[in-house]
Amino acid sequence: MITYESICKKLGFRFDSDNHYRPNVPYYEDDSAENPYGSLSEAELDFIAKFLRNKYNLKTA
């Protein structure tokens, strides 16, 4: 079962907080750092999208 807690644990940070993941972005393009969201399944990404839409009362197109 996919839960908020299971996704945060997998990511290593709370995806909906102000203290979320912030990569150290240099002034040049650097593709060596992996995207932490790349380890999530499509179902987990859908869960995050639905969670954030509900949190911010956003409507889908």
PDB file of N, CA and C in Angstrom:
ATOM      1  N   MET A   1       0.842  -1.179   0.000  1.00  0.00           N
ATOM      2  CA  MET A   1       0.000   0.000   0.000  1.00  0.00           C
ATOM      3  C   MET A   1       0.892   1.249   0.000  1.00  0.00           C
ATOM      4  N   ILE A   2       0.529   2.197  -0.833  1.00  0.00           N
ATOM      5  CA  ILE A   2       1.283   3.441  -0.936  1.00  0.00           C
ATOM      6  C   ILE A   2       0.731   4.440   0.072  1.00  0.00           C
ATOM      7  N   THR A   3       1.628   4.987   0.881  1.00  0.00           N
ATOM      8  CA  THR A   3       1.227   5.992   1.865  1.00  0.00           C
ATOM      9  C   THR A   3       2.187   7.178   1.782  1.00  0.00           C
ATOM     10  N   TYR A   4       1.757   8.273   2.356  1.00  0.00           N
ATOM     11  CA  TYR A   4       2.597   9.465   2.446  1.00  0.00           C
ATOM     12  C   TYR A   4       3.913   9.115   3.133  1.00  0.00           C
ATOM     13  N   GLU A   5       3.812   8.396   4.244  1.00  0.00           N
ATOM     14  CA  GLU A   5       4.993   8.042   5.031  1.00  0.00           C
ATOM     15  C   GLU A   5       5.945   7.143   4.248  1.00  0.00           C
ATOM     16  N   SER A   6       5.404   6.189   3.490  1.00  0.00           N
ATOM     17  CA  SER A   6       6.272   5.273   2.742  1.00  0.00           C
ATOM     18  C   SER A   6       7.033   6.004   1.636  1.00  0.00           C
ATOM     19  N   ILE A   7       6.385   6.982   1.002  1.00  0.00           N
ATOM     20  CA  ILE A   7       7.056   7.747  -0.042  1.00  0.00           C
ATOM     21  C   ILE A   7       8.130   8.645   0.563  1.00  0.00           C
ATOM     22  N   CYS A   8       7.807   9.327   1.677  1.00  0.00           N
ATOM     23  CA  CYS A   8       8.800  10.183   2.338  1.00  0.00           C
ATOM     24  C   CYS A   8      10.010   9.377   2.788  1.00  0.00           C
ATOM     25  N   LYS A   9       9.772   8.177   3.289  1.00  0.00           N
ATOM     26  CA  LYS A   9      10.874   7.322   3.734  1.00  0.00           C
ATOM     27  C   LYS A   9      11.750   6.928   2.548  1.00  0.00           C
ATOM     28  N   LYS A  10      11.115   6.599   1.426  1.00  0.00           N
ATOM     29  CA  LYS A  10      11.855   6.195   0.238  1.00  0.00           C
ATOM     30  C   LYS A  10      12.666   7.361  -0.329  1.00  0.00           C
ATOM     31  N   LEU A  11      12.084   8.575  -0.298  1.00  0.00           N
ATOM     32  CA  LEU A  11      12.772   9.750  -0.812  1.00  0.00           C
ATOM     33  C   LEU A  11      13.851  10.252   0.152  1.00  0.00           C
ATOM     34  N   GLY A  12      13.593  10.118   1.451  1.00  0.00           N
ATOM     35  CA  GLY A  12      14.516  10.632   2.463  1.00  0.00           C
ATOM     36  C   GLY A  12      14.197  12.056   2.875  1.00  0.00           C
ATOM     37  N   PHE A  13      13.046  12.564   2.458  1.00  0.00           N
ATOM     38  CA  PHE A  13      12.592  13.907   2.836  1.00  0.00           C
ATOM     39  C   PHE A  13      11.081  13.995   2.620  1.00  0.00           C
ATOM     40  N   ARG A  14      10.474  15.016   3.238  1.00  0.00           N
ATOM     41  CA  ARG A  14       9.036  15.249   3.080  1.00  0.00           C
ATOM     42  C   ARG A  14       8.813  16.058   1.811  1.00  0.00           C
ATOM     43  N   PHE A  15       8.143  15.469   0.856  1.00  0.00           N
ATOM     44  CA  PHE A  15       7.981  16.121  -0.445  1.00  0.00           C
ATOM     45  C   PHE A  15       7.036  17.312  -0.416  1.00  0.00           C
ATOM     46  N   ASP A  16       6.258  17.499   0.629  1.00  0.00           N
ATOM     47  CA  ASP A  16       5.275  18.594   0.663  1.00  0.00           C
ATOM     48  C   ASP A  16       5.642  19.713   1.636  1.00  0.00           C
ATOM     49  N   SER A  17       6.840  19.683   2.190  1.00  0.00           N
ATOM     50  CA  SER A  17       7.205  20.708   3.167  1.00  0.00           C
ATOM     51  C   SER A  17       8.141  21.745   2.548  1.00  0.00           C
ATOM     52  N   ASP A  18       8.321  22.834   3.254  1.00  0.00           N
ATOM     53  CA  ASP A  18       9.245  23.875   2.812  1.00  0.00           C
ATOM     54  C   ASP A  18      10.693  23.409   2.902  1.00  0.00           C
ATOM     55  N   ASN A  19      10.928  22.358   3.662  1.00  0.00           N
ATOM     56  CA  ASN A  19      12.285  21.821   3.815  1.00  0.00           C
ATOM     57  C   ASN A  19      12.511  20.633   2.890  1.00  0.00           C
ATOM     58  N   HIS A  20      11.831  20.638   1.737  1.00  0.00           N
ATOM     59  CA  HIS A  20      11.947  19.534   0.805  1.00  0.00           C
ATOM     60  C   HIS A  20      13.329  19.491   0.160  1.00  0.00           C
ATOM     61  N   TYR A  21      13.517  18.515  -0.639  1.00  0.00           N
ATOM     62  CA  TYR A  21      14.797  18.310  -1.322  1.00  0.00           C
ATOM     63  C   TYR A  21      15.150  19.520  -2.174  1.00  0.00           C
ATOM     64  N   ARG A  22      16.337  20.037  -1.964  1.00  0.00           N
ATOM     65  CA  ARG A  22      16.843  21.151  -2.782  1.00  0.00           C
ATOM     66  C   ARG A  22      18.247  20.791  -3.232  1.00  0.00           C
ATOM     67  N   PRO A  23      18.360  20.430  -4.480  1.00  0.00           N
ATOM     68  CA  PRO A  23      19.689  20.043  -4.948  1.00  0.00           C
ATOM     69  C   PRO A  23      20.643  21.226  -4.970  1.00  0.00           C
ATOM     70  N   ASN A  24      21.912  20.944  -4.824  1.00  0.00           N
ATOM     71  CA  ASN A  24      22.934  21.968  -4.915  1.00  0.00           C
ATOM     72  C   ASN A  24      23.171  22.220  -6.399  1.00  0.00           C
ATOM     73  N   VAL A  25      22.501  23.221  -6.942  1.00  0.00           N
ATOM     74  CA  VAL A  25      22.534  23.473  -8.379  1.00  0.00           C
ATOM     75  C   VAL A  25      23.651  24.455  -8.710  1.00  0.00           C
ATOM     76  N   PRO A  26      24.617  24.019  -9.497  1.00  0.00           N
ATOM     77  CA  PRO A  26      25.691  24.936  -9.897  1.00  0.00           C
ATOM     78  C   PRO A  26      25.209  25.868 -11.011  1.00  0.00           C
ATOM     79  N   TYR A  27      26.039  26.790 -11.405  1.00  0.00           N
ATOM     80  CA  TYR A  27      25.693  27.739 -12.466  1.00  0.00           C
ATOM     81  C   TYR A  27      25.881  27.148 -13.858  1.00  0.00           C
ATOM     82  N   TYR A  28      26.198  25.893 -13.928  1.00  0.00           N
ATOM     83  CA  TYR A  28      26.357  25.203 -15.200  1.00  0.00           C
ATOM     84  C   TYR A  28      25.554  23.913 -15.144  1.00  0.00           C
ATOM     85  N   GLU A  29      25.268  23.356 -16.288  1.00  0.00           N
ATOM     86  CA  GLU A  29      24.476  22.131 -16.343  1.00  0.00           C
ATOM     87  C   GLU A  29      25.307  20.956 -15.846  1.00  0.00           C
ATOM     88  N   ASP A  30      24.750  20.209 -14.914  1.00  0.00           N
ATOM     89  CA  ASP A  30      25.433  19.058 -14.341  1.00  0.00           C
ATOM     90  C   ASP A  30      24.436  17.922 -14.222  1.00  0.00           C
ATOM     91  N   ASP A  31      24.561  16.930 -15.073  1.00  0.00           N
ATOM     92  CA  ASP A  31      23.630  15.799 -15.073  1.00  0.00           C
ATOM     93  C   ASP A  31      24.116  14.631 -14.220  1.00  0.00           C
ATOM     94  N   SER A  32      25.145  14.846 -13.415  1.00  0.00           N
ATOM     95  CA  SER A  32      25.683  13.743 -12.625  1.00  0.00           C
ATOM     96  C   SER A  32      24.828  13.429 -11.400  1.00  0.00           C
ATOM     97  N   ALA A  33      24.052  14.400 -10.919  1.00  0.00           N
ATOM     98  CA  ALA A  33      23.201  14.162  -9.750  1.00  0.00           C
ATOM     99  C   ALA A  33      21.908  13.488 -10.188  1.00  0.00           C
ATOM    100  N   GLU A  34      21.548  12.427  -9.491  1.00  0.00           N
ATOM    101  CA  GLU A  34      20.327  11.699  -9.834  1.00  0.00           C
ATOM    102  C   GLU A  34      19.107  12.387  -9.248  1.00  0.00           C
ATOM    103  N   ASN A  35      18.008  12.293  -9.950  1.00  0.00           N
ATOM    104  CA  ASN A  35      16.732  12.816  -9.495  1.00  0.00           C
ATOM    105  C   ASN A  35      16.170  11.855  -8.446  1.00  0.00           C
ATOM    106  N   PRO A  36      15.915  12.301  -7.214  1.00  0.00           N
ATOM    107  CA  PRO A  36      15.410  11.385  -6.184  1.00  0.00           C
ATOM    108  C   PRO A  36      14.026  10.826  -6.530  1.00  0.00           C
ATOM    109  N   TYR A  37      13.270  11.547  -7.332  1.00  0.00           N
ATOM    110  CA  TYR A  37      11.943  11.067  -7.725  1.00  0.00           C
ATOM    111  C   TYR A  37      12.031   9.962  -8.774  1.00  0.00           C
ATOM    112  N   GLY A  38      13.198   9.766  -9.358  1.00  0.00           N
ATOM    113  CA  GLY A  38      13.381   8.722 -10.355  1.00  0.00           C
ATOM    114  C   GLY A  38      13.243   7.316  -9.791  1.00  0.00           C
ATOM    115  N   SER A  39      13.374   7.169  -8.484  1.00  0.00           N
ATOM    116  CA  SER A  39      13.263   5.850  -7.860  1.00  0.00           C
ATOM    117  C   SER A  39      11.817   5.471  -7.549  1.00  0.00           C
ATOM    118  N   LEU A  40      10.887   6.399  -7.767  1.00  0.00           N
ATOM    119  CA  LEU A  40       9.484   6.133  -7.450  1.00  0.00           C
ATOM    120  C   LEU A  40       8.772   5.481  -8.631  1.00  0.00           C
ATOM    121  N   SER A  41       7.795   4.661  -8.292  1.00  0.00           N
ATOM    122  CA  SER A  41       6.983   4.028  -9.325  1.00  0.00           C
ATOM    123  C   SER A  41       5.970   5.027  -9.871  1.00  0.00           C
ATOM    124  N   GLU A  42       5.335   4.680 -10.965  1.00  0.00           N
ATOM    125  CA  GLU A  42       4.311   5.548 -11.547  1.00  0.00           C
ATOM    126  C   GLU A  42       3.149   5.733 -10.573  1.00  0.00           C
ATOM    127  N   ALA A  43       2.803   4.681  -9.854  1.00  0.00           N
ATOM    128  CA  ALA A  43       1.714   4.765  -8.875  1.00  0.00           C
ATOM    129  C   ALA A  43       2.083   5.720  -7.732  1.00  0.00           C
ATOM    130  N   GLU A  44       3.342   5.692  -7.299  1.00  0.00           N
ATOM    131  CA  GLU A  44       3.782   6.603  -6.238  1.00  0.00           C
ATOM    132  C   GLU A  44       3.783   8.052  -6.727  1.00  0.00           C
ATOM    133  N   LEU A  45       4.198   8.283  -7.966  1.00  0.00           N
ATOM    134  CA  LEU A  45       4.166   9.626  -8.529  1.00  0.00           C
ATOM    135  C   LEU A  45       2.721  10.118  -8.668  1.00  0.00           C
ATOM    136  N   ASP A  46       1.816   9.236  -9.053  1.00  0.00           N
ATOM    137  CA  ASP A  46       0.393   9.589  -9.127  1.00  0.00           C
ATOM    138  C   ASP A  46      -0.139   9.949  -7.749  1.00  0.00           C
ATOM    139  N   PHE A  47       0.296   9.210  -6.720  1.00  0.00           N
ATOM    140  CA  PHE A  47      -0.114   9.493  -5.350  1.00  0.00           C
ATOM    141  C   PHE A  47       0.328  10.892  -4.945  1.00  0.00           C
ATOM    142  N   ILE A  48       1.581  11.258  -5.260  1.00  0.00           N
ATOM    143  CA  ILE A  48       2.100  12.586  -4.929  1.00  0.00           C
ATOM    144  C   ILE A  48       1.292  13.663  -5.650  1.00  0.00           C
ATOM    145  N   ALA A  49       1.008  13.453  -6.923  1.00  0.00           N
ATOM    146  CA  ALA A  49       0.244  14.436  -7.691  1.00  0.00           C
ATOM    147  C   ALA A  49      -1.143  14.634  -7.086  1.00  0.00           C
ATOM    148  N   LYS A  50      -1.817  13.550  -6.754  1.00  0.00           N
ATOM    149  CA  LYS A  50      -3.155  13.648  -6.162  1.00  0.00           C
ATOM    150  C   LYS A  50      -3.088  14.297  -4.780  1.00  0.00           C
ATOM    151  N   PHE A  51      -2.089  13.932  -3.993  1.00  0.00           N
ATOM    152  CA  PHE A  51      -1.908  14.498  -2.659  1.00  0.00           C
ATOM    153  C   PHE A  51      -1.750  16.018  -2.728  1.00  0.00           C
ATOM    154  N   LEU A  52      -0.875  16.479  -3.636  1.00  0.00           N
ATOM    155  CA  LEU A  52      -0.621  17.915  -3.752  1.00  0.00           C
ATOM    156  C   LEU A  52      -1.818  18.661  -4.346  1.00  0.00           C
ATOM    157  N   ARG A  53      -2.538  18.040  -5.282  1.00  0.00           N
ATOM    158  CA  ARG A  53      -3.757  18.673  -5.812  1.00  0.00           C
ATOM    159  C   ARG A  53      -4.768  18.871  -4.699  1.00  0.00           C
ATOM    160  N   ASN A  54      -4.932  17.864  -3.859  1.00  0.00           N
ATOM    161  CA  ASN A  54      -5.877  17.976  -2.738  1.00  0.00           C
ATOM    162  C   ASN A  54      -5.407  19.000  -1.715  1.00  0.00           C
ATOM    163  N   LYS A  55      -4.125  19.015  -1.415  1.00  0.00           N
ATOM    164  CA  LYS A  55      -3.583  19.934  -0.415  1.00  0.00           C
ATOM    165  C   LYS A  55      -3.785  21.384  -0.834  1.00  0.00           C
ATOM    166  N   TYR A  56      -3.571  21.667  -2.102  1.00  0.00           N
ATOM    167  CA  TYR A  56      -3.650  23.046  -2.586  1.00  0.00           C
ATOM    168  C   TYR A  56      -4.952  23.350  -3.340  1.00  0.00           C
ATOM    169  N   ASN A  57      -5.921  22.442  -3.244  1.00  0.00           N
ATOM    170  CA  ASN A  57      -7.226  22.604  -3.906  1.00  0.00           C
ATOM    171  C   ASN A  57      -7.097  22.941  -5.382  1.00  0.00           C
ATOM    172  N   LEU A  58      -6.255  22.204  -6.071  1.00  0.00           N
ATOM    173  CA  LEU A  58      -6.058  22.414  -7.506  1.00  0.00           C
ATOM    174  C   LEU A  58      -6.987  21.489  -8.273  1.00  0.00           C
ATOM    175  N   LYS A  59      -7.486  21.979  -9.379  1.00  0.00           N
ATOM    176  CA  LYS A  59      -8.369  21.164 -10.220  1.00  0.00           C
ATOM    177  C   LYS A  59      -7.561  20.602 -11.381  1.00  0.00           C
ATOM    178  N   THR A  60      -7.947  19.421 -11.817  1.00  0.00           N
ATOM    179  CA  THR A  60      -7.279  18.823 -12.959  1.00  0.00           C
ATOM    180  C   THR A  60      -7.882  19.382 -14.230  1.00  0.00           C
ATOM    181  N   ALA A  61      -7.089  19.353 -15.274  1.00  0.00           N
ATOM    182  CA  ALA A  61      -7.542  19.916 -16.563  1.00  0.00           C
ATOM    183  C   ALA A  61      -8.551  19.013 -17.214  1.00  0.00           C
TER     184      ALA A  61
END
